[in-house]
Protein backbone atom coordinates (compact mmCIF):
# COMPACT_ATOMS: atom_id res chain seq x y z
CA UNK A 1 54.48 46.91 -4.86
CA UNK A 2 56.07 45.16 -1.82
CA UNK A 3 55.15 44.96 1.78
CA UNK A 4 58.18 43.43 3.92
CA UNK A 5 57.50 41.86 7.31
CA UNK A 6 61.36 41.70 8.63
CA UNK A 7 63.20 39.08 10.40
CA UNK A 8 64.62 39.37 13.82
CA UNK A 9 68.22 40.10 13.45
CA UNK A 10 69.94 38.82 10.15
CA UNK A 11 67.73 37.62 7.46
CA UNK A 12 68.61 33.98 6.52
CA UNK A 13 65.61 33.27 4.03
CA UNK A 14 62.64 35.15 2.48
CA UNK A 15 59.04 33.88 1.81
CA UNK A 16 57.52 35.79 -1.09
CA UNK A 17 53.78 35.61 -0.88
CA UNK A 18 51.80 35.89 -4.22
CA UNK A 19 48.22 36.75 -4.43
CA UNK A 20 45.65 35.61 -7.13
CA UNK A 21 44.36 37.58 -9.96
CA UNK A 22 42.27 37.14 -13.06
CA UNK A 23 42.87 35.39 -16.27
CA UNK A 24 42.66 38.53 -18.28
CA UNK A 25 42.77 42.16 -16.99
CA UNK A 26 45.05 45.22 -17.22
CA UNK A 27 43.26 46.63 -14.47
CA UNK A 28 45.87 47.99 -11.68
CA UNK A 29 45.77 46.03 -8.65
CA UNK A 30 44.58 47.75 -5.37
CA UNK A 31 45.14 47.28 -1.56
CA UNK A 32 41.43 46.61 -1.25
CA UNK A 33 41.22 43.63 -3.66
CA UNK A 34 40.28 40.41 -1.98
CA UNK A 35 43.09 38.52 -3.79
CA UNK A 36 45.76 40.44 -1.65
CA UNK A 37 43.64 40.56 1.46
CA UNK A 38 43.18 36.89 1.61
CA UNK A 39 47.00 36.33 1.63
CA UNK A 40 47.70 38.65 4.58
CA UNK A 41 46.88 35.93 7.30
CA UNK A 42 49.61 33.58 5.37
CA UNK A 43 52.22 36.48 5.49
CA UNK A 44 51.34 37.00 9.29
CA UNK A 45 51.69 33.25 10.14
CA UNK A 46 54.86 33.06 8.25
CA UNK A 47 56.32 36.06 10.21
CA UNK A 48 54.90 35.05 13.53
CA UNK A 49 56.50 31.55 13.21
CA UNK A 50 59.61 32.40 11.15
CA UNK A 51 60.87 35.81 11.98
CA UNK A 52 62.76 34.71 15.01
CA UNK A 53 64.52 32.24 12.89
CA UNK A 54 65.49 34.76 10.48
CA UNK A 55 62.61 34.57 7.91
CA UNK A 56 61.73 37.79 6.07
CA UNK A 57 58.31 37.86 4.59
CA UNK A 58 57.57 39.83 1.34
CA UNK A 59 53.92 40.35 0.10
CA UNK A 60 53.85 41.27 -3.55
CA UNK A 61 51.09 43.39 -5.18
CA UNK A 62 51.11 42.98 -9.08
CA UNK A 63 51.02 45.92 -11.47
CA UNK A 64 47.99 44.68 -12.96
CA UNK A 65 45.27 41.94 -11.96
CA UNK A 66 45.48 39.77 -15.03
CA UNK A 67 47.68 36.88 -16.38
CA UNK A 68 46.80 38.06 -19.78
CA UNK A 69 47.74 35.13 -22.19
CA UNK A 70 51.14 34.94 -23.40
CA UNK A 71 52.16 38.09 -21.70
CA UNK A 72 52.04 36.29 -18.27
CA UNK A 73 52.06 39.94 -16.63
CA UNK A 74 52.84 38.91 -13.14
CA UNK A 75 55.86 37.04 -13.98
CA UNK A 76 57.96 40.03 -14.52
CA UNK A 77 56.94 41.52 -11.15
CA UNK A 78 57.99 38.36 -9.29
CA UNK A 79 61.27 38.19 -11.11
CA UNK A 80 61.83 41.72 -10.14
CA UNK A 81 61.10 40.95 -6.48
CA UNK A 82 63.43 37.83 -6.65
CA UNK A 83 66.24 40.22 -7.97
CA UNK A 84 65.46 42.72 -4.96
CA UNK A 85 65.84 39.95 -2.63
CA UNK A 86 69.29 39.11 -4.02
CA UNK A 87 70.48 42.75 -4.10
CA UNK A 88 69.36 43.14 -0.35
CA UNK A 89 70.34 39.77 1.09
CA UNK A 90 72.63 37.75 -1.37
CA UNK A 91 71.99 34.13 -1.90
CA UNK A 92 69.63 33.36 0.89
CA UNK A 93 66.90 30.86 0.07
CA UNK A 94 63.58 31.95 -1.19
CA UNK A 95 60.09 30.03 -0.90
CA UNK A 96 57.38 31.16 -3.29
CA UNK A 97 54.03 30.85 -1.76
CA UNK A 98 51.05 31.64 -4.14
CA UNK A 99 47.33 31.34 -4.20
CA UNK A 100 45.33 30.77 -7.44
CA UNK A 101 47.16 32.65 -10.10
CA UNK A 102 49.79 33.22 -7.66
CA UNK A 103 50.27 29.47 -7.41
CA UNK A 104 50.67 29.43 -11.13
CA UNK A 105 53.40 32.02 -10.79
CA UNK A 106 55.16 30.23 -8.04
CA UNK A 107 55.49 26.94 -10.11
CA UNK A 108 56.51 28.94 -13.25
CA UNK A 109 59.43 30.60 -11.42
CA UNK A 110 60.36 27.85 -9.39
CA UNK A 111 63.55 27.27 -11.20
CA UNK A 112 65.08 30.55 -10.26
CA UNK A 113 68.49 29.94 -8.79
CA UNK A 114 67.37 31.56 -5.38
CA UNK A 115 64.15 29.48 -5.09
CA UNK A 116 64.14 26.46 -3.28
CA UNK A 117 60.67 25.45 -2.83
CA UNK A 118 57.21 26.52 -4.28
CA UNK A 119 53.68 26.44 -2.67
CA UNK A 120 50.37 26.36 -4.64
CA UNK A 121 47.35 27.13 -2.63
CA UNK A 122 44.24 26.23 -4.71
CA UNK A 123 46.44 26.86 -7.76
CA UNK A 124 45.53 27.75 -11.28
CA UNK A 125 47.45 25.06 -13.20
CA UNK A 126 45.85 24.61 -16.79
CA UNK A 127 46.69 21.36 -18.59
CA UNK A 128 50.21 21.75 -20.45
CA UNK A 129 51.77 23.98 -17.81
CA UNK A 130 55.63 23.10 -17.93
CA UNK A 131 57.00 21.17 -15.21
CA UNK A 132 60.68 20.87 -16.04
CA UNK A 133 61.66 23.98 -14.16
CA UNK A 134 60.78 21.99 -10.79
CA UNK A 135 63.66 19.94 -10.84
CA UNK A 136 65.65 19.96 -7.64
CA UNK A 137 62.91 21.86 -5.97
CA UNK A 138 60.38 20.94 -3.14
CA UNK A 139 56.71 21.67 -4.12
CA UNK A 140 53.51 21.48 -1.93
CA UNK A 141 50.20 21.88 -3.67
CA UNK A 142 47.03 22.25 -1.54
CA UNK A 143 43.45 22.24 -3.10
CA UNK A 144 39.91 22.29 -1.73
CA UNK A 145 37.83 19.57 -3.19
CA UNK A 146 34.77 21.90 -3.61
CA UNK A 147 36.84 24.73 -5.32
CA UNK A 148 34.61 25.92 -8.35
CA UNK A 149 36.97 28.61 -9.48
CA UNK A 150 40.11 26.57 -10.16
CA UNK A 151 40.37 22.76 -10.77
CA UNK A 152 41.56 20.27 -8.12
CA UNK A 153 41.67 17.72 -10.87
CA UNK A 154 43.93 19.86 -12.82
CA UNK A 155 46.47 20.23 -9.80
CA UNK A 156 46.27 16.38 -9.43
CA UNK A 157 47.14 16.06 -12.95
CA UNK A 158 49.91 18.71 -12.63
CA UNK A 159 51.11 16.91 -9.71
CA UNK A 160 51.23 13.62 -11.43
CA UNK A 161 53.60 15.02 -14.01
CA UNK A 162 55.62 17.27 -11.61
CA UNK A 163 56.53 14.37 -9.21
CA UNK A 164 58.82 12.80 -11.41
CA UNK A 165 60.73 16.18 -11.70
CA UNK A 166 60.64 17.85 -8.33
CA UNK A 167 63.05 16.64 -5.70
CA UNK A 168 59.86 16.17 -3.49
CA UNK A 169 56.27 16.82 -4.07
CA UNK A 170 53.34 16.83 -1.51
CA UNK A 171 49.79 17.24 -2.78
CA UNK A 172 47.20 17.76 -0.10
CA UNK A 173 43.44 17.80 -0.68
CA UNK A 174 41.23 19.74 2.05
CA UNK A 175 37.85 18.06 2.06
CA UNK A 176 34.92 20.56 2.02
CA UNK A 177 37.00 23.68 1.26
CA UNK A 178 36.50 26.15 -1.48
CA UNK A 179 38.68 28.64 -3.42
CA UNK A 180 38.89 31.24 -0.78
CA UNK A 181 40.35 29.01 1.86
CA UNK A 182 38.29 30.47 4.76
CA UNK A 183 36.17 27.43 5.76
CA UNK A 184 39.36 25.61 7.29
CA UNK A 185 41.69 28.48 7.18
CA UNK A 186 43.76 27.05 10.05
CA UNK A 187 45.04 24.13 8.15
CA UNK A 188 46.01 26.10 4.91
CA UNK A 189 48.13 28.49 7.18
CA UNK A 190 49.71 25.62 9.02
CA UNK A 191 50.75 23.64 5.97
CA UNK A 192 51.89 26.60 4.04
CA UNK A 193 53.94 28.01 7.16
CA UNK A 194 55.52 24.46 8.21
CA UNK A 195 56.43 23.50 4.86
CA UNK A 196 58.01 26.90 4.11
CA UNK A 197 60.00 26.78 7.35
CA UNK A 198 61.05 23.24 6.83
CA UNK A 199 62.26 23.99 3.39
CA UNK A 200 64.66 26.61 4.48
CA UNK A 201 66.03 24.53 7.51
CA UNK A 202 64.34 26.25 10.51
CA UNK A 203 62.33 23.53 11.96
CA UNK A 204 60.59 20.05 11.00
CA UNK A 205 57.13 19.76 10.04
CA UNK A 206 55.19 18.92 13.05
CA UNK A 207 53.84 15.20 13.24
CA UNK A 208 50.50 16.00 12.91
CA UNK A 209 51.11 17.80 9.58
CA UNK A 210 53.35 15.03 8.54
CA UNK A 211 50.58 12.70 8.75
CA UNK A 212 48.44 15.01 6.62
CA UNK A 213 51.10 15.21 3.95
CA UNK A 214 51.26 11.48 3.94
CA UNK A 215 47.72 10.96 3.44
CA UNK A 216 47.18 13.71 1.00
CA UNK A 217 44.11 14.80 2.35
CA UNK A 218 42.66 16.47 5.61
């Protein structure tokens, strides 16, 4: 299921917001699930700052909650959404913005022809995740150093491998933050929004956030 926050005027780019989920579950998703609820402020920030420039924000709800091993269940949902973007808007650039399992999805599908960048927020990136699909793409990875659900160390290892493939990769560690991204929510929202807008050419990253990206922690 998709919820679309429209652009003002013509749509020039799309941000596709991807929630987290579970390692294994065929339970249907519901609007009340926290995985989707916690991404609403990100979608709102993207629309608030990007709609006037032509950014349309799509929030996706997967059919089922789990990744489910080799089935990689959410990938089909996201590929279908990207096809719908192309059908409606042609070859506009797409940025994938995902949390937890959604971050894994964003990295996996970054190689799609329409995708120019991928954002992983507290992403679930097990060792062995492929990186070759990130060639020519910009990547932002943000992880809290107190995350007990997904591993910031695994994200760092993924970043080390992907940095030689992606056109540019930023890794930011948020000190004192956990998996839900609520203790320092403003920095998460600002990083994801500024990076997304910059990747589609709407505005540059503010100097304060440039410093955060350069340091690699906040």
